[in-house]
C-alpha atoms as a PDB file:
ATOM      1  CA  MET A   1     -65.614  52.758  44.640  1.00  0.00           C
ATOM      2  CA  TRP A   2     -67.371  49.550  43.655  1.00  0.00           C
ATOM      3  CA  PHE A   3     -64.473  47.459  44.988  1.00  0.00           C
ATOM      4  CA  ALA A   4     -64.552  49.300  48.303  1.00  0.00           C
ATOM      5  CA  GLU A   5     -68.270  48.596  48.695  1.00  0.00           C
ATOM      6  CA  LYS A   6     -67.755  44.911  47.924  1.00  0.00           C
ATOM      7  CA  TYR A   7     -64.876  44.770  50.401  1.00  0.00           C
ATOM      8  CA  VAL A   8     -67.056  46.286  53.147  1.00  0.00           C
ATOM      9  CA  ASP A   9     -69.874  43.856  52.328  1.00  0.00           C
ATOM     10  CA  ALA A  10     -67.479  40.920  52.483  1.00  0.00           C
ATOM     11  CA  ASP A  11     -66.017  42.165  55.754  1.00  0.00           C
ATOM     12  CA  TRP A  12     -69.493  42.637  57.237  1.00  0.00           C
ATOM     13  CA  ASN A  13     -70.533  39.139  56.147  1.00  0.00           C
ATOM     14  CA  ALA A  14     -67.383  37.682  57.682  1.00  0.00           C
ATOM     15  CA  ALA A  15     -68.090  39.497  60.936  1.00  0.00           C
ATOM     16  CA  LYS A  16     -71.679  38.194  61.000  1.00  0.00           C
ATOM     17  CA  GLU A  17     -70.487  34.655  60.260  1.00  0.00           C
ATOM     18  CA  PHE A  18     -67.897  34.853  63.045  1.00  0.00           C
ATOM     19  CA  GLN A  19     -70.556  36.077  65.468  1.00  0.00           C
ATOM     20  CA  ARG A  20     -72.879  33.241  64.430  1.00  0.00           C
ATOM     21  CA  ARG A  21     -70.185  30.596  64.900  1.00  0.00           C
ATOM     22  CA  LYS A  22     -69.157  32.066  68.230  1.00  0.00           C
ATOM     23  CA  GLY A  23     -72.778  32.022  69.358  1.00  0.00           C
ATOM     24  CA  ILE A  24     -73.126  28.394  68.367  1.00  0.00           C
ATOM     25  CA  LYS A  25     -70.014  27.455  70.336  1.00  0.00           C
ATOM     26  CA  GLU A  26     -71.175  29.405  73.383  1.00  0.00           C
ATOM     27  CA  GLY A  27     -74.612  27.847  73.076  1.00  0.00           C
ATOM     28  CA  ILE A  28     -73.161  24.355  72.978  1.00  0.00           C
ATOM     29  CA  ARG A  29     -71.001  25.092  76.017  1.00  0.00           C
ATOM     30  CA  ALA A  30     -73.972  26.545  77.913  1.00  0.00           C
ATOM     31  CA  GLY A  31     -76.016  23.469  77.018  1.00  0.00           C
ATOM     32  CA  LYS A  32     -73.279  21.168  78.277  1.00  0.00           C
ATOM     33  CA  LYS A  33     -73.054  23.143  81.509  1.00  0.00           C
ATOM     34  CA  GLU A  34     -76.814  23.006  82.063  1.00  0.00           C
ATOM     35  CA  MET A  35     -76.872  19.261  81.365  1.00  0.00           C
ATOM     36  CA  ALA A  36     -73.924  18.674  83.702  1.00  0.00           C
ATOM     37  CA  LEU A  37     -75.516  20.629  86.538  1.00  0.00           C
ATOM     38  CA  ASN A  38     -78.775  18.695  86.203  1.00  0.00           C
ATOM     39  CA  LEU A  39     -76.905  15.395  86.251  1.00  0.00           C
ATOM     40  CA  LEU A  40     -74.873  16.480  89.284  1.00  0.00           C
ATOM     41  CA  LYS A  41     -78.089  17.326  91.126  1.00  0.00           C
ATOM     42  CA  ASN A  42     -79.329  13.814  90.306  1.00  0.00           C
ATOM     43  CA  GLY A  43     -76.191  12.260  91.811  1.00  0.00           C
ATOM     44  CA  VAL A  44     -74.229  11.349  88.679  1.00  0.00           C
ATOM     45  CA  ALA A  45     -70.450  11.335  89.190  1.00  0.00           C
ATOM     46  CA  PRO A  46     -68.432  14.190  87.632  1.00  0.00           C
ATOM     47  CA  ASP A  47     -66.117  11.816  85.754  1.00  0.00           C
ATOM     48  CA  ILE A  48     -69.069  10.195  83.979  1.00  0.00           C
ATOM     49  CA  ILE A  49     -70.472  13.611  83.091  1.00  0.00           C
ATOM     50  CA  ALA A  50     -67.074  14.768  81.807  1.00  0.00           C
ATOM     51  CA  VAL A  51     -66.786  11.796  79.465  1.00  0.00           C
ATOM     52  CA  SER A  52     -70.298  12.188  78.080  1.00  0.00           C
ATOM     53  CA  ALA A  53     -69.969  15.980  77.661  1.00  0.00           C
ATOM     54  CA  ASN A  54     -66.425  15.704  76.251  1.00  0.00           C
ATOM     55  CA  VAL A  55     -65.009  18.204  78.760  1.00  0.00           C
ATOM     56  CA  PRO A  56     -62.332  17.826  81.462  1.00  0.00           C
ATOM     57  CA  VAL A  57     -63.430  16.660  84.920  1.00  0.00           C
ATOM     58  CA  GLU A  58     -61.984  19.873  86.352  1.00  0.00           C
ATOM     59  CA  THR A  59     -64.419  21.870  84.226  1.00  0.00           C
ATOM     60  CA  VAL A  60     -67.388  19.922  85.579  1.00  0.00           C
ATOM     61  CA  GLU A  61     -66.140  20.423  89.138  1.00  0.00           C
ATOM     62  CA  GLN A  62     -65.664  24.135  88.466  1.00  0.00           C
ATOM     63  CA  TRP A  63     -69.241  24.404  87.165  1.00  0.00           C
ATOM     64  CA  ALA A  64     -70.451  22.641  90.310  1.00  0.00           C
ATOM     65  CA  GLN A  65     -68.536  25.042  92.552  1.00  0.00           C
ATOM     66  CA  GLN A  66     -69.912  28.035  90.677  1.00  0.00           C
ATOM     67  CA  SER A  67     -73.441  26.708  91.147  1.00  0.00           C
ATOM     68  CA  LYS A  68     -72.862  25.682  94.773  1.00  0.00           C
ATOM     69  CA  ILE A  69     -73.442  21.983  94.069  1.00  0.00           C
ATOM     70  CA  PHE A  70     -71.353  19.684  96.243  1.00  0.00           C
ATOM     71  CA  VAL A  71     -69.298  17.160  94.310  1.00  0.00           C
ATOM     72  CA  GLU A  72     -68.249  13.894  95.902  1.00  0.00           C
ATOM     73  CA  LYS A  73     -64.876  12.591  94.802  1.00  0.00           C
END
């Protein structure tokens, strides 16, 4: 019985750690998106944003389309 309780505790801790890491990754991505959209509104080119945010240019353009910001190529 003791082993089963320890296994459940370990599994629960692993699940919490996974959720924490996933949240961090999603938070970083959301932060990059917010930064990119602000820079696009200020007239910064998508290729410059992509390099600084370490994401593909297509991703920046997709974010702009989702937010209805016009991107000049």
